[in-house]
Amino acid sequence: MHRIEHLLIEPGKPTQNCYIESFNGKFRDECLNEHWFQTLQQARTEIGIWRQDYNEVRPHSSCGGIPPAKYAALHRQQKAAPATPQPQEIN
């Protein structure tokens, strides 16, 4: 058992989860409403293409104008880089 708790927002209160609401709107407008999926494989392919563009190509203002994948890579590099030693004062 994974002990995942499913939390719902109040009906009519999309601002309680604005990031997901924004994503869902873009996904519906730009992907789901643009295609009439006739097979599961077609849906997986088209959604995969949209997801790759959304995460790896499209700049996001919340990531400083770069795609999320690049933002995440830069974040991982910064965390992995050893801290530069600071000179110590000699008394």
Protein backbone atom coordinates (compact mmCIF):
# COMPACT_ATOMS: atom_id res chain seq x y z
CA MET A 1 0.00 0.00 0.00
CA HIS A 2 1.34 3.44 -0.97
CA ARG A 3 -0.73 5.44 1.53
CA ILE A 4 -1.59 8.14 -0.99
CA GLU A 5 -4.20 10.59 0.21
CA HIS A 6 -6.42 12.09 -2.49
CA LEU A 7 -7.30 15.71 -1.66
CA LEU A 8 -10.01 17.58 -3.53
CA ILE A 9 -10.43 21.31 -3.87
CA GLU A 10 -13.78 22.91 -3.10
CA PRO A 11 -16.11 23.06 -6.11
CA GLY A 12 -15.83 26.41 -7.86
CA LYS A 13 -12.48 27.24 -6.19
CA PRO A 14 -9.82 26.65 -8.87
CA THR A 15 -7.43 29.04 -7.14
CA GLN A 16 -6.92 26.43 -4.42
CA ASN A 17 -4.80 24.48 -6.91
CA CYS A 18 -3.98 27.04 -9.58
CA TYR A 19 -0.90 25.26 -10.99
CA ILE A 20 -2.83 22.10 -11.83
CA GLU A 21 -5.85 24.04 -13.05
CA SER A 22 -3.59 26.01 -15.41
CA PHE A 23 -1.88 22.86 -16.65
CA ASN A 24 -5.19 21.05 -17.17
CA GLY A 25 -6.56 23.98 -19.18
CA LYS A 26 -3.51 24.09 -21.44
CA PHE A 27 -3.51 20.31 -21.87
CA ARG A 28 -7.20 20.29 -22.80
CA ASP A 29 -6.99 23.31 -25.17
CA GLU A 30 -3.72 22.45 -26.88
CA CYS A 31 -3.80 18.67 -26.99
CA LEU A 32 -7.05 16.92 -26.14
CA ASN A 33 -9.35 19.31 -28.02
CA GLU A 34 -7.06 19.27 -31.07
CA HIS A 35 -7.16 15.51 -31.68
CA TRP A 36 -9.81 12.86 -32.15
CA PHE A 37 -8.06 9.80 -30.76
CA GLN A 38 -9.17 6.60 -32.47
CA THR A 39 -6.76 4.24 -30.73
CA LEU A 40 -4.96 4.12 -27.42
CA GLN A 41 -1.63 4.12 -29.27
CA GLN A 42 -2.57 7.29 -31.15
CA ALA A 43 -3.52 8.98 -27.86
CA ARG A 44 -0.22 7.93 -26.26
CA THR A 45 1.76 9.22 -29.25
CA GLU A 46 0.03 12.60 -29.49
CA ILE A 47 0.06 13.17 -25.74
CA GLY A 48 3.75 12.21 -25.64
CA ILE A 49 4.56 14.75 -28.36
CA TRP A 50 2.64 17.46 -26.49
CA ARG A 51 4.28 16.53 -23.16
CA GLN A 52 7.76 16.66 -24.68
CA ASP A 53 7.09 20.11 -26.17
CA TYR A 54 5.59 21.35 -22.88
CA ASN A 55 8.52 20.12 -20.77
CA GLU A 56 11.52 20.37 -23.09
CA VAL A 57 10.83 23.11 -25.66
CA ARG A 58 8.31 25.63 -24.41
CA PRO A 59 9.66 28.37 -22.13
CA HIS A 60 7.78 28.81 -18.86
CA SER A 61 7.67 32.14 -17.05
CA SER A 62 7.73 30.34 -13.70
CA CYS A 63 11.13 28.84 -14.70
CA GLY A 64 12.69 32.14 -15.68
CA GLY A 65 11.74 31.87 -19.36
CA ILE A 66 13.32 28.46 -19.99
CA PRO A 67 11.73 25.01 -20.41
CA PRO A 68 11.17 22.99 -17.22
CA ALA A 69 13.62 20.25 -18.29
CA LYS A 70 16.44 22.78 -18.70
CA TYR A 71 15.51 24.45 -15.40
CA ALA A 72 15.64 21.08 -13.62
CA ALA A 73 19.01 20.23 -15.21
CA LEU A 74 20.47 23.55 -14.08
CA HIS A 75 19.08 22.99 -10.59
CA ARG A 76 20.66 19.52 -10.42
CA GLN A 77 24.01 20.95 -11.57
CA GLN A 78 23.93 23.62 -8.89
CA LYS A 79 23.11 21.07 -6.18
CA ALA A 80 25.87 18.71 -7.37
CA ALA A 81 28.56 21.39 -7.67
CA PRO A 82 30.82 21.38 -4.63
CA ALA A 83 30.64 24.55 -2.62
CA THR A 84 33.66 26.75 -3.16
CA PRO A 85 35.62 27.07 0.06
CA GLN A 86 35.52 30.49 1.63
CA PRO A 87 38.82 32.02 2.76
CA GLN A 88 39.15 32.02 6.50
CA GLU A 89 40.27 35.00 8.52
CA ILE A 90 43.57 34.67 10.27
CA ASN A 91 43.69 36.29 13.71
